[in-house]
Amino acid sequence: MAIVFANCGFRFSDYEQMNKLHLRNGKYHFVLQKSQKTKTESIIPVMDKWIIDKYINQYDENFNWNEYEQKFNKYIKLVCKQAGFTEPIQQTYSNPTGGKNFSLHYKKYQKISSRTFRKTFASNCIRQYSMSIAITMSWTGHKSEEAFRKYLRLTPADYARIANEQTEKEKMIQALMNNPQLLNQLKKKVG
């Protein structure tokens, strides 16, 4: 189930509503009728075919979800510990009373939870599938880019690649606009 979670980006509270994998226009989608928090519908395409094969074979297109988030988080920590996610990590916190910042040390598996899969989904949409921030935000239900960026685990190299891709898209659009003949050919092909 964790793999499915990392590929749809829904909040844990919404998984029980996601009870079927839908086929639309020849492609499978995760469909959430109404998010518990934002009251919005989400339709998210499944990007990796192997997930469909595993999902269909294991769940026969229907989820039977009956776990509590706390229980899921307990299990996922155990699985991650057994999988070797034991490297030490340090997390720095600011003191709410204005004093010095302080750091706490953890093993990596101790910080993994259902929310980790939501963050993974958001980062992968942008890093691996070159989705725009706006599209990814619509899927995750975020209203502000500031809140959304906290979910992303992108490196400076990721941001540089995104900027380069955006520049290339803008150049292609400009080239089309400057060549009416090519633009007309493209319009005919698209219909």
Protein backbone atom coordinates (compact mmCIF):
# COMPACT_ATOMS: atom_id res chain seq x y z
CA MET A 1 0.00 0.00 0.00
CA ALA A 2 2.84 2.41 0.72
CA ILE A 3 3.84 2.33 -2.96
CA VAL A 4 0.31 3.29 -3.96
CA PHE A 5 0.35 6.07 -1.35
CA ALA A 6 3.57 7.50 -2.80
CA ASN A 7 1.97 7.59 -6.24
CA CYS A 8 -1.26 9.43 -5.50
CA GLY A 9 -0.29 12.06 -2.91
CA PHE A 10 -3.54 11.97 -0.97
CA ARG A 11 -3.72 12.76 2.72
CA PHE A 12 -4.04 9.70 4.93
CA SER A 13 -7.55 10.80 5.94
CA ASP A 14 -8.60 10.57 2.28
CA TYR A 15 -7.35 7.05 1.52
CA GLU A 16 -10.52 5.41 2.78
CA GLN A 17 -12.47 7.39 0.18
CA MET A 18 -10.14 6.30 -2.61
CA ASN A 19 -11.74 2.95 -3.18
CA LYS A 20 -11.15 2.26 -6.84
CA LEU A 21 -8.67 2.73 -9.63
CA HIS A 22 -10.51 4.34 -12.53
CA LEU A 23 -9.86 3.93 -16.23
CA ARG A 24 -10.38 7.21 -18.11
CA ASN A 25 -9.42 7.88 -21.72
CA GLY A 26 -7.42 4.65 -21.82
CA LYS A 27 -5.32 5.54 -18.75
CA TYR A 28 -5.70 4.65 -15.10
CA HIS A 29 -6.30 7.36 -12.50
CA PHE A 30 -6.59 7.52 -8.76
CA VAL A 31 -9.83 9.35 -8.04
CA LEU A 32 -10.75 11.03 -4.78
CA GLN A 33 -14.35 12.19 -4.84
CA LYS A 34 -13.99 14.76 -2.07
CA SER A 35 -11.01 15.51 0.13
CA GLN A 36 -11.86 15.54 3.81
CA LYS A 37 -9.77 18.66 4.45
CA THR A 38 -10.23 20.78 1.30
CA LYS A 39 -13.57 19.40 0.06
CA THR A 40 -12.16 19.18 -3.49
CA GLU A 41 -12.05 16.38 -6.05
CA SER A 42 -8.68 15.02 -7.21
CA ILE A 43 -8.01 12.96 -10.31
CA ILE A 44 -4.39 11.88 -10.51
CA PRO A 45 -2.98 9.88 -13.42
CA VAL A 46 -0.96 6.81 -12.52
CA MET A 47 2.44 7.47 -14.06
CA ASP A 48 4.16 4.09 -13.72
CA LYS A 49 2.56 1.10 -15.45
CA TRP A 50 4.17 -1.43 -13.08
CA ILE A 51 2.10 0.06 -10.25
CA ILE A 52 -1.06 -0.70 -12.22
CA ASP A 53 0.03 -4.29 -12.81
CA LYS A 54 0.79 -4.80 -9.12
CA TYR A 55 -2.27 -2.90 -7.95
CA ILE A 56 -4.74 -4.71 -10.23
CA ASN A 57 -3.27 -8.11 -9.40
CA GLN A 58 -3.22 -7.52 -5.65
CA TYR A 59 -6.36 -5.47 -5.07
CA ASP A 60 -8.60 -6.28 -8.04
CA GLU A 61 -9.26 -2.55 -8.56
CA ASN A 62 -10.72 -2.07 -5.07
CA PHE A 63 -9.08 -0.96 -1.84
CA ASN A 64 -10.10 -2.50 1.41
CA TRP A 65 -8.53 0.03 3.74
CA ASN A 66 -9.21 -0.34 7.42
CA GLU A 67 -6.07 0.83 9.20
CA TYR A 68 -5.63 3.84 11.44
CA GLU A 69 -2.90 6.32 10.61
CA GLN A 70 -1.06 5.66 13.89
CA LYS A 71 -1.00 1.91 13.19
CA PHE A 72 0.19 2.48 9.61
CA ASN A 73 2.96 4.80 10.84
CA LYS A 74 4.05 2.21 13.41
CA TYR A 75 4.22 -0.51 10.72
CA ILE A 76 6.04 1.65 8.19
CA LYS A 77 8.69 2.60 10.76
CA LEU A 78 9.24 -1.08 11.50
CA VAL A 79 9.52 -1.94 7.79
CA CYS A 80 11.93 0.93 7.17
CA LYS A 81 14.07 -0.09 10.13
CA GLN A 82 14.25 -3.66 8.82
CA ALA A 83 15.07 -2.31 5.34
CA GLY A 84 18.12 -0.55 6.77
CA PHE A 85 16.99 3.08 6.96
CA THR A 86 19.05 3.48 10.11
CA GLU A 87 21.46 6.27 9.20
CA PRO A 88 21.51 9.10 11.74
CA ILE A 89 19.83 12.38 10.86
CA GLN A 90 19.77 15.69 12.67
CA GLN A 91 16.75 17.96 12.77
CA THR A 92 17.14 21.57 13.90
CA TYR A 93 14.27 23.41 15.54
CA SER A 94 13.85 27.06 16.41
CA ASN A 95 13.03 27.89 19.97
CA PRO A 96 9.48 29.31 20.14
CA THR A 97 10.42 31.59 23.04
CA GLY A 98 13.18 33.27 21.05
CA GLY A 99 16.10 31.45 22.61
CA LYS A 100 18.77 29.42 20.84
CA ASN A 101 17.87 26.92 18.17
CA PHE A 102 18.31 23.30 19.18
CA SER A 103 18.90 20.04 17.35
CA LEU A 104 17.62 16.55 17.93
CA HIS A 105 19.14 13.37 16.54
CA TYR A 106 17.14 10.49 15.10
CA LYS A 107 17.53 7.36 13.04
CA LYS A 108 16.04 7.93 9.57
CA TYR A 109 13.29 5.30 9.99
CA GLN A 110 12.02 7.15 13.07
CA LYS A 111 10.98 10.14 10.94
CA ILE A 112 9.15 8.21 8.21
CA SER A 113 5.35 8.37 8.30
CA SER A 114 2.32 8.49 6.02
CA ARG A 115 3.15 12.12 5.32
CA THR A 116 6.54 11.06 3.92
CA PHE A 117 4.76 9.35 1.03
CA ARG A 118 2.77 12.50 0.26
CA LYS A 119 6.00 14.52 0.19
CA THR A 120 7.62 11.86 -2.02
CA PHE A 121 4.72 12.12 -4.46
CA ALA A 122 5.02 15.92 -4.67
CA SER A 123 8.80 15.83 -5.17
CA ASN A 124 8.64 13.04 -7.76
CA CYS A 125 5.96 14.81 -9.80
CA ILE A 126 8.32 17.71 -10.29
CA ARG A 127 11.68 15.95 -10.31
CA GLN A 128 10.91 12.71 -12.15
CA TYR A 129 7.87 13.59 -14.27
CA SER A 130 8.57 17.30 -14.94
CA MET A 131 5.10 18.36 -13.79
CA SER A 132 4.58 22.02 -13.04
CA ILE A 133 4.23 23.20 -9.48
CA ALA A 134 0.70 24.42 -10.27
CA ILE A 135 -0.46 21.00 -11.51
CA THR A 136 1.16 19.17 -8.62
CA MET A 137 -0.42 21.59 -6.14
CA SER A 138 -3.84 20.94 -7.67
CA TRP A 139 -3.32 17.21 -7.10
CA THR A 140 -2.15 17.57 -3.52
CA GLY A 141 -4.83 20.15 -2.69
CA HIS A 142 -2.41 22.87 -1.62
CA LYS A 143 -3.70 26.42 -1.99
CA SER A 144 -0.49 28.35 -1.31
CA GLU A 145 2.85 27.75 -2.97
CA GLU A 146 4.60 28.61 0.31
CA ALA A 147 2.91 25.72 2.13
CA PHE A 148 3.48 23.42 -0.84
CA ARG A 149 7.22 24.12 -1.05
CA LYS A 150 7.61 22.70 2.48
CA TYR A 151 6.61 19.34 0.99
CA LEU A 152 9.26 19.40 -1.70
CA ARG A 153 12.60 17.74 -1.30
CA LEU A 154 14.28 19.40 -4.26
CA THR A 155 17.95 20.21 -4.60
CA PRO A 156 19.45 23.31 -6.22
CA ALA A 157 20.19 21.09 -9.25
CA ASP A 158 16.47 20.21 -9.47
CA TYR A 159 15.52 23.88 -9.47
CA ALA A 160 18.15 24.61 -12.15
CA ARG A 161 16.77 21.81 -14.35
CA ILE A 162 13.22 23.12 -13.90
CA ALA A 163 14.34 26.62 -14.90
CA ASN A 164 16.16 25.25 -17.96
CA GLU A 165 13.10 23.24 -19.03
CA GLN A 166 10.89 26.31 -18.63
CA THR A 167 13.33 28.37 -20.72
CA GLU A 168 13.33 25.70 -23.45
CA LYS A 169 9.52 25.62 -23.51
CA GLU A 170 9.41 29.40 -23.80
CA LYS A 171 11.91 29.27 -26.69
CA MET A 172 9.80 26.66 -28.50
CA ILE A 173 6.66 28.76 -28.06
CA GLN A 174 8.46 31.85 -29.31
CA ALA A 175 9.78 29.94 -32.34
CA LEU A 176 6.26 28.77 -33.16
CA MET A 177 4.86 32.28 -32.80
CA ASN A 178 7.56 33.62 -35.13
CA ASN A 179 6.82 30.96 -37.78
CA PRO A 180 3.14 31.15 -38.79
CA GLN A 181 3.54 28.35 -41.35
CA LEU A 182 4.85 25.92 -38.73
CA LEU A 183 2.17 27.06 -36.28
CA ASN A 184 -0.57 26.37 -38.88
CA GLN A 185 0.86 22.88 -39.55
CA LEU A 186 0.82 22.14 -35.84
CA LYS A 187 -2.77 23.39 -35.49
CA LYS A 188 -3.87 21.08 -38.34
CA LYS A 189 -2.22 18.06 -36.69
CA VAL A 190 -3.73 18.81 -33.27
CA GLY A 191 -7.16 19.38 -34.81
